[in-house]
């Protein structure tokens, strides 16, 4: 492995070894605390524009498994690990993580003190960074240290529009595309498990039509809906409220996605129009949660270092029960600005930030965490059942 360098916007430099593609990349440096699920992290469109640091020291030990992808490619700007496993052991593995990073054009670095990096990001907040590898890497870093303007000026913009071709589970143009022949008609995803309608629990008497508003949707959102017998129609981010109603859906799912939620003014306005009718059941996840809140008069703000990983505790305000959740977000809804018709349903045990909202005047609720997460806890998977029940009552 050749030398590689990470330089942060404050001038801090870490020296390590190159992984993935050789070259230079600039992005917003963040960390995720997940012990597993590195494939889901790499293929989650919500990480668009970010250089992702894995806090768990060994990454790549179970290889690359296309059926676990959350989209057809990786959206991260760069990748940082303490130790990269070159000899994975898993009967489902289709290759090494290093080879996957190369095919995806992801510039990465290993062998640095990820613990020290994470502590810096926690104390100073997320900041931009640059990874440089190759013959001129040292000179590039020295020049960047003298003039860090290029690193500091980087901004994540038009994030939702940029991930609209996210797709799911490999995609036809991916070298890691699944070889299975059968696929669901709406997106081409091939579920890695048998589909069930949960009829044994009495949840469904007939199939429900759900429109999935795609802001960078993870594949497992659609899988969870289909497991419950829902017919899912995925629509792009520029779809209007009128076009959604023309599909005559029983419910609307607002997906996760990347970037600043307040940037998406046009989408928020269309969500507001849907809410104003007060008829269509709505379930929002992550960015969908934030944009639904903005459409209803709430405010959002950027967190110091965000919540990313599979071990974040949230408390249900009605029952007092604590759930462990998977999260990936850098913004949050301001809980002290909720309107009278909205109730905070979950809050983060670590920092008391808003993790869920129920709307009392319309059939709608949303959560900041990921109840659909693969490579994460399934404690809150029941929220999909609640969405189906809401559609039945409507």
Protein backbone atom coordinates (compact mmCIF):
# COMPACT_ATOMS: atom_id res chain seq x y z
CA UNK A 1 0.00 0.00 0.00
CA UNK A 2 1.21 3.51 -0.81
CA UNK A 3 1.05 6.40 1.64
CA UNK A 4 -2.13 8.42 1.99
CA UNK A 5 -3.00 11.51 3.98
CA UNK A 6 -6.10 12.98 5.57
CA UNK A 7 -6.05 16.72 6.19
CA UNK A 8 -8.91 18.43 8.00
CA UNK A 9 -10.09 21.99 7.51
CA UNK A 10 -8.40 23.02 10.77
CA UNK A 11 -5.00 21.85 9.46
CA UNK A 12 -4.80 18.53 11.32
CA UNK A 13 -3.02 15.86 9.26
CA UNK A 14 -3.24 12.07 9.63
CA UNK A 15 -0.85 9.81 7.71
CA UNK A 16 -1.88 6.30 6.73
CA UNK A 17 -2.07 3.90 3.80
CA UNK A 18 -4.10 4.17 0.63
CA UNK A 19 -7.16 1.97 0.07
CA UNK A 20 -9.60 1.98 -2.80
CA UNK A 21 -9.00 4.41 -5.64
CA UNK A 22 -5.79 6.45 -5.80
CA UNK A 23 -6.33 10.19 -6.01
CA UNK A 24 -7.70 13.18 -4.11
CA UNK A 25 -11.16 13.82 -2.70
CA UNK A 26 -12.77 16.52 -0.54
CA UNK A 27 -15.92 16.09 1.55
CA UNK A 28 -17.57 16.60 4.92
CA UNK A 29 -15.79 14.31 7.40
CA UNK A 30 -18.17 12.39 9.68
CA UNK A 31 -18.05 9.25 11.81
CA UNK A 32 -20.39 6.30 12.24
CA UNK A 33 -20.33 3.98 15.26
CA UNK A 34 -21.81 0.88 13.64
CA UNK A 35 -20.02 -2.38 14.47
CA UNK A 36 -21.57 -4.05 11.42
CA UNK A 37 -23.35 -2.84 8.30
CA UNK A 38 -20.43 -1.22 6.47
CA UNK A 39 -21.98 -2.26 3.13
CA UNK A 40 -25.26 -0.57 4.03
CA UNK A 41 -23.31 2.52 5.05
CA UNK A 42 -21.32 2.67 1.82
CA UNK A 43 -24.43 2.27 -0.35
CA UNK A 44 -26.75 4.56 1.67
CA UNK A 45 -27.51 7.65 -0.48
CA UNK A 46 -27.82 9.69 2.72
CA UNK A 47 -24.01 9.72 2.94
CA UNK A 48 -23.74 11.68 -0.31
CA UNK A 49 -20.95 14.29 -0.10
CA UNK A 50 -19.39 12.87 3.06
CA UNK A 51 -16.07 11.26 3.95
CA UNK A 52 -17.14 8.47 6.30
CA UNK A 53 -15.05 7.30 9.25
CA UNK A 54 -15.81 3.86 10.71
CA UNK A 55 -15.12 3.87 14.45
CA UNK A 56 -15.10 0.07 14.68
CA UNK A 57 -11.43 -0.92 14.20
CA UNK A 58 -11.77 -3.84 11.72
CA UNK A 59 -13.83 -3.33 8.56
CA UNK A 60 -14.32 -5.67 5.58
CA UNK A 61 -14.23 -8.97 7.44
CA UNK A 62 -17.36 -10.38 5.78
CA UNK A 63 -16.55 -9.09 2.30
CA UNK A 64 -18.95 -7.60 -0.25
CA UNK A 65 -22.52 -8.94 -0.45
CA UNK A 66 -24.57 -7.36 -3.27
CA UNK A 67 -27.90 -8.49 -1.80
CA UNK A 68 -27.23 -6.26 1.21
CA UNK A 69 -26.72 -3.06 -0.79
CA UNK A 70 -29.11 -0.19 -0.05
CA UNK A 71 -28.63 1.29 -3.54
CA UNK A 72 -26.87 0.44 -6.78
CA UNK A 73 -23.57 2.18 -5.92
CA UNK A 74 -21.61 3.95 -3.20
CA UNK A 75 -22.32 7.65 -2.62
CA UNK A 76 -19.61 8.50 -0.08
CA UNK A 77 -16.89 11.00 -1.04
CA UNK A 78 -14.20 9.09 0.83
CA UNK A 79 -13.71 6.25 3.31
CA UNK A 80 -11.63 5.99 6.50
CA UNK A 81 -10.95 2.82 8.51
CA UNK A 82 -8.44 1.75 11.13
CA UNK A 83 -7.77 -1.69 9.62
CA UNK A 84 -9.09 -3.06 6.33
CA UNK A 85 -9.56 -6.84 6.09
CA UNK A 86 -8.12 -8.25 2.85
CA UNK A 87 -9.18 -11.84 3.52
CA UNK A 88 -12.94 -11.87 4.24
CA UNK A 89 -14.67 -14.98 5.56
CA UNK A 90 -18.32 -15.32 4.61
CA UNK A 91 -20.13 -17.83 2.37
CA UNK A 92 -22.14 -14.94 0.83
CA UNK A 93 -19.10 -12.79 0.03
CA UNK A 94 -18.60 -11.76 -3.59
CA UNK A 95 -15.25 -10.02 -3.22
CA UNK A 96 -13.10 -7.82 -1.01
CA UNK A 97 -14.06 -4.40 0.26
CA UNK A 98 -10.89 -2.88 -1.19
CA UNK A 99 -11.80 -4.09 -4.67
CA UNK A 100 -15.32 -2.72 -4.23
CA UNK A 101 -13.94 0.71 -3.29
CA UNK A 102 -11.77 0.67 -6.41
CA UNK A 103 -14.64 -0.22 -8.74
CA UNK A 104 -16.71 2.56 -7.16
CA UNK A 105 -13.89 5.11 -7.50
CA UNK A 106 -13.83 5.77 -3.74
CA UNK A 107 -10.59 7.25 -2.40
CA UNK A 108 -9.86 5.91 1.08
CA UNK A 109 -7.28 5.70 3.83
CA UNK A 110 -6.52 3.11 6.52
CA UNK A 111 -4.01 2.77 9.31
CA UNK A 112 -4.77 6.09 11.01
CA UNK A 113 -5.91 6.64 14.60
CA UNK A 114 -9.68 6.70 14.00
CA UNK A 115 -10.21 7.08 17.73
CA UNK A 116 -8.30 10.37 17.78
CA UNK A 117 -10.11 11.52 14.65
CA UNK A 118 -13.51 10.73 16.17
CA UNK A 119 -12.64 12.60 19.38
CA UNK A 120 -11.66 15.65 17.33
CA UNK A 121 -14.92 15.58 15.37
CA UNK A 122 -16.92 15.22 18.60
CA UNK A 123 -15.13 18.14 20.23
CA UNK A 124 -14.87 20.47 17.23
CA UNK A 125 -17.87 19.28 15.22
CA UNK A 126 -17.96 17.80 11.73
CA UNK A 127 -15.61 19.57 9.38
CA UNK A 128 -14.48 19.29 5.80
CA UNK A 129 -11.46 17.18 4.97
CA UNK A 130 -9.36 15.94 2.09
CA UNK A 131 -7.88 12.50 1.45
CA UNK A 132 -4.87 12.43 -0.88
CA UNK A 133 -3.00 9.36 -2.15
CA UNK A 134 -0.59 8.63 -4.98
CA UNK A 135 2.80 9.98 -6.03
CA UNK A 136 2.08 13.66 -5.30
CA UNK A 137 -0.02 13.11 -2.18
CA UNK A 138 2.50 14.60 0.24
CA UNK A 139 2.95 17.75 -1.87
CA UNK A 140 -0.82 18.13 -2.24
CA UNK A 141 -1.28 17.96 1.52
CA UNK A 142 1.52 20.43 2.19
CA UNK A 143 -0.04 22.89 -0.26
CA UNK A 144 -3.48 22.37 1.31
CA UNK A 145 -2.01 23.04 4.76
CA UNK A 146 -0.70 26.40 3.54
CA UNK A 147 -3.92 27.28 1.76
CA UNK A 148 -6.88 25.33 3.22
CA UNK A 149 -9.44 27.49 1.45
CA UNK A 150 -10.36 24.83 -1.09
CA UNK A 151 -11.15 22.36 1.68
CA UNK A 152 -13.15 24.85 3.74
CA UNK A 153 -15.17 26.06 0.76
CA UNK A 154 -16.62 22.64 -0.07
CA UNK A 155 -20.40 22.47 0.43
CA UNK A 156 -22.96 19.73 -0.09
CA UNK A 157 -25.58 21.18 -2.45
CA UNK A 158 -28.40 19.72 -4.56
CA UNK A 159 -27.95 16.51 -2.60
CA UNK A 160 -31.42 15.02 -3.15
CA UNK A 161 -31.35 15.69 -6.89
CA UNK A 162 -27.86 14.19 -7.11
CA UNK A 163 -28.91 10.79 -5.76
CA UNK A 164 -32.07 10.37 -7.82
CA UNK A 165 -30.50 7.52 -9.79
CA UNK A 166 -29.79 5.63 -6.57
CA UNK A 167 -31.81 2.53 -7.48
CA UNK A 168 -31.43 -0.57 -5.32
CA UNK A 169 -29.51 -3.80 -4.88
CA UNK A 170 -26.70 -3.50 -7.34
CA UNK A 171 -28.37 -2.08 -10.44
CA UNK A 172 -27.73 -3.21 -14.01
CA UNK A 173 -24.66 -1.00 -14.42
CA UNK A 174 -23.00 -2.16 -11.21
CA UNK A 175 -20.17 -4.73 -11.35
CA UNK A 176 -21.66 -6.16 -8.18
CA UNK A 177 -25.21 -6.55 -9.58
CA UNK A 178 -27.15 -9.50 -8.27
CA UNK A 179 -27.28 -12.51 -10.57
CA UNK A 180 -30.77 -13.53 -9.46
CA UNK A 181 -33.38 -13.47 -12.19
CA UNK A 182 -36.53 -12.54 -10.28
CA UNK A 183 -37.11 -8.92 -9.33
CA UNK A 184 -39.86 -6.71 -7.99
CA UNK A 185 -41.32 -4.61 -10.82
CA UNK A 186 -41.13 -1.18 -9.20
CA UNK A 187 -37.36 -0.87 -8.73
CA UNK A 188 -35.63 -4.06 -9.79
CA UNK A 189 -34.71 -5.01 -6.22
CA UNK A 190 -34.31 -8.70 -5.47
CA UNK A 191 -35.34 -9.35 -1.85
CA UNK A 192 -32.87 -11.67 -0.08
CA UNK A 193 -35.70 -13.41 1.79
CA UNK A 194 -39.23 -14.75 1.02
CA UNK A 195 -41.97 -12.11 0.87
CA UNK A 196 -44.75 -12.39 3.45
CA UNK A 197 -47.92 -10.38 3.93
CA UNK A 198 -48.06 -10.65 7.73
CA UNK A 199 -51.61 -11.94 7.39
CA UNK A 200 -51.04 -14.25 10.36
CA UNK A 201 -51.05 -11.22 12.67
CA UNK A 202 -54.22 -9.82 11.12
CA UNK A 203 -52.49 -6.74 9.80
CA UNK A 204 -53.84 -6.99 6.27
CA UNK A 205 -57.13 -7.81 4.70
CA UNK A 206 -56.12 -6.52 1.28
CA UNK A 207 -53.13 -5.04 -0.46
CA UNK A 208 -52.43 -1.33 0.08
CA UNK A 209 -50.99 0.98 -2.56
CA UNK A 210 -48.12 3.06 -1.22
CA UNK A 211 -46.29 5.85 -3.02
CA UNK A 212 -42.65 6.02 -1.95
CA UNK A 213 -41.44 9.62 -2.36
CA UNK A 214 -37.78 9.00 -3.22
CA UNK A 215 -35.28 11.51 -1.79
CA UNK A 216 -32.48 8.89 -1.82
CA UNK A 217 -34.44 5.94 -0.48
CA UNK A 218 -32.73 2.95 1.06
CA UNK A 219 -33.83 -0.30 -0.58
CA UNK A 220 -35.02 -1.82 2.67
CA UNK A 221 -37.82 0.72 3.06
CA UNK A 222 -39.48 -0.75 0.01
CA UNK A 223 -38.72 -4.29 1.14
CA UNK A 224 -40.41 -3.72 4.51
CA UNK A 225 -43.53 -2.34 2.84
CA UNK A 226 -43.68 -5.24 0.38
CA UNK A 227 -43.26 -7.76 3.22
CA UNK A 228 -46.53 -6.34 4.54
CA UNK A 229 -48.29 -6.85 1.23
CA UNK A 230 -48.07 -3.25 0.02
CA UNK A 231 -47.87 -2.40 -3.66
CA UNK A 232 -45.09 0.19 -3.83
CA UNK A 233 -44.78 2.84 -6.53
CA UNK A 234 -41.52 4.81 -6.34
CA UNK A 235 -41.72 8.42 -7.57
CA UNK A 236 -38.81 10.88 -7.98
CA UNK A 237 -38.22 13.97 -5.87
CA UNK A 238 -39.69 16.36 -8.44
CA UNK A 239 -43.12 14.69 -8.39
CA UNK A 240 -45.99 17.08 -7.58
CA UNK A 241 -48.79 16.59 -5.09
CA UNK A 242 -51.25 16.46 -7.98
CA UNK A 243 -49.30 13.65 -9.64
CA UNK A 244 -49.17 11.69 -6.37
CA UNK A 245 -52.93 11.98 -5.84
CA UNK A 246 -53.47 10.89 -9.45
CA UNK A 247 -51.93 7.53 -8.49
CA UNK A 248 -54.77 7.09 -5.96
CA UNK A 249 -52.53 5.72 -3.19
CA UNK A 250 -53.62 4.46 0.22
CA UNK A 251 -50.53 5.95 1.85
CA UNK A 252 -47.42 8.05 1.26
CA UNK A 253 -43.93 7.13 2.45
CA UNK A 254 -41.38 9.96 2.68
CA UNK A 255 -37.91 8.45 2.37
CA UNK A 256 -34.53 9.18 3.84
CA UNK A 257 -31.99 11.20 1.87
CA UNK A 258 -28.90 13.41 2.08
CA UNK A 259 -28.18 17.07 2.72
CA UNK A 260 -29.84 20.03 4.41
CA UNK A 261 -33.62 19.45 4.54
CA UNK A 262 -34.41 23.18 4.33
CA UNK A 263 -32.70 23.34 0.92
CA UNK A 264 -35.57 21.39 -0.67
CA UNK A 265 -38.14 24.18 -0.77
CA UNK A 266 -40.07 22.87 -3.78
CA UNK A 267 -40.45 19.38 -2.31
CA UNK A 268 -41.51 20.81 1.04
CA UNK A 269 -44.22 22.86 -0.66
CA UNK A 270 -45.61 19.77 -2.40
CA UNK A 271 -45.65 17.89 0.92
CA UNK A 272 -47.51 20.83 2.46
CA UNK A 273 -50.18 20.60 -0.25
CA UNK A 274 -50.66 16.90 0.51
CA UNK A 275 -50.91 17.60 4.24
CA UNK A 276 -53.46 20.38 3.67
CA UNK A 277 -55.96 17.84 2.32
CA UNK A 278 -55.75 15.96 5.63
CA UNK A 279 -56.70 12.69 3.95
CA UNK A 280 -53.62 10.71 2.90
CA UNK A 281 -51.79 8.70 5.62
CA UNK A 282 -48.11 9.70 5.71
CA UNK A 283 -45.03 8.04 7.23
CA UNK A 284 -41.70 9.88 7.10
CA UNK A 285 -38.22 8.54 7.82
CA UNK A 286 -35.06 10.63 8.45
CA UNK A 287 -34.99 13.36 5.75
CA UNK A 288 -38.66 12.61 5.11
CA UNK A 289 -39.31 13.26 8.80
CA UNK A 290 -37.49 16.58 8.62
CA UNK A 291 -39.18 17.80 5.45
CA UNK A 292 -42.62 16.79 6.73
CA UNK A 293 -41.90 18.86 9.85
CA UNK A 294 -40.80 21.83 7.74
CA UNK A 295 -43.95 21.53 5.66
CA UNK A 296 -45.97 21.78 8.87
CA UNK A 297 -44.25 24.91 10.17
CA UNK A 298 -41.41 23.44 12.22
CA UNK A 299 -37.72 24.37 12.01
CA UNK A 300 -34.56 22.32 11.56
CA UNK A 301 -30.96 22.99 12.56
CA UNK A 302 -27.59 21.33 12.05
CA UNK A 303 -26.18 19.15 14.82
CA UNK A 304 -22.61 19.49 16.01
CA UNK A 305 -21.52 16.06 14.83
CA UNK A 306 -24.78 14.30 14.03
CA UNK A 307 -26.04 10.82 14.87
CA UNK A 308 -24.61 7.97 12.78
CA UNK A 309 -24.48 4.32 13.75
CA UNK A 310 -26.57 1.42 15.01
CA UNK A 311 -26.57 2.02 18.76
CA UNK A 312 -28.54 5.23 19.39
CA UNK A 313 -31.11 5.06 22.24
CA UNK A 314 -34.46 6.81 21.83
CA UNK A 315 -37.32 6.98 24.33
CA UNK A 316 -41.00 6.63 23.48
CA UNK A 317 -42.71 9.59 25.17
CA UNK A 318 -46.00 7.71 25.63
CA UNK A 319 -44.74 4.42 27.08
CA UNK A 320 -41.36 5.46 28.48
CA UNK A 321 -39.74 2.51 26.74
CA UNK A 322 -36.23 2.95 25.31
CA UNK A 323 -35.40 1.52 21.88
CA UNK A 324 -31.97 1.08 20.30
CA UNK A 325 -32.00 2.52 16.79
CA UNK A 326 -29.96 2.93 13.63
CA UNK A 327 -29.40 6.56 12.64
CA UNK A 328 -27.68 8.63 9.97
CA UNK A 329 -28.36 12.36 10.03
CA UNK A 330 -26.63 15.68 10.60
CA UNK A 331 -29.77 17.80 11.06
CA UNK A 332 -32.66 17.64 13.54
CA UNK A 333 -36.11 19.14 14.02
CA UNK A 334 -36.09 21.75 16.80
CA UNK A 335 -38.31 20.26 19.51
CA UNK A 336 -39.07 23.60 21.20
CA UNK A 337 -40.63 24.90 17.97
CA UNK A 338 -43.32 22.22 17.46
CA UNK A 339 -46.80 23.57 16.69
CA UNK A 340 -49.78 22.80 18.94
CA UNK A 341 -51.08 20.07 16.62
CA UNK A 342 -47.79 18.13 16.77
CA UNK A 343 -46.52 15.90 19.57
CA UNK A 344 -42.96 14.67 20.00
CA UNK A 345 -43.26 10.87 20.03
CA UNK A 346 -39.57 9.96 20.55
CA UNK A 347 -36.53 11.80 21.84
CA UNK A 348 -32.84 10.96 21.87
CA UNK A 349 -31.68 9.74 25.28
CA UNK A 350 -28.15 11.09 24.75
CA UNK A 351 -28.92 14.70 23.82
CA UNK A 352 -32.74 15.05 24.08
CA UNK A 353 -33.14 15.97 20.39
CA UNK A 354 -36.41 15.24 18.62
CA UNK A 355 -36.55 11.71 17.18
CA UNK A 356 -40.21 11.45 16.18
CA UNK A 357 -43.40 13.45 15.70
CA UNK A 358 -47.09 12.51 15.59
CA UNK A 359 -49.53 14.95 14.02
CA UNK A 360 -52.89 15.15 15.76
CA UNK A 361 -54.81 16.92 12.99
CA UNK A 362 -53.90 14.63 10.07
CA UNK A 363 -53.04 10.91 9.72
CA UNK A 364 -49.28 11.37 9.73
CA UNK A 365 -46.24 10.47 11.81
CA UNK A 366 -42.48 10.43 11.27
CA UNK A 367 -39.25 9.33 12.89
CA UNK A 368 -35.67 10.56 12.66
CA UNK A 369 -34.15 7.09 13.02
CA UNK A 370 -34.29 4.12 10.62
CA UNK A 371 -36.82 1.41 11.57
CA UNK A 372 -36.02 -0.41 8.31
CA UNK A 373 -32.28 -0.66 8.93
CA UNK A 374 -30.40 -3.74 7.79
CA UNK A 375 -27.08 -4.04 9.55
CA UNK A 376 -28.81 -2.43 12.52
CA UNK A 377 -31.30 -3.10 15.36
CA UNK A 378 -34.87 -4.05 14.49
CA UNK A 379 -36.45 -2.72 17.70
CA UNK A 380 -38.66 -0.21 15.91
CA UNK A 381 -39.66 -2.30 12.90
CA UNK A 382 -43.21 -2.26 14.29
CA UNK A 383 -43.64 1.28 12.95
CA UNK A 384 -44.26 -0.16 9.49
CA UNK A 385 -47.12 -2.17 10.99
CA UNK A 386 -48.52 1.03 12.49
CA UNK A 387 -48.38 2.67 9.06
CA UNK A 388 -50.34 -0.23 7.54
CA UNK A 389 -52.92 0.01 10.34
CA UNK A 390 -53.20 3.77 9.73
CA UNK A 391 -53.94 3.11 6.05
CA UNK A 392 -56.60 0.55 7.00
CA UNK A 393 -58.35 2.99 9.33
CA UNK A 394 -58.23 5.73 6.71
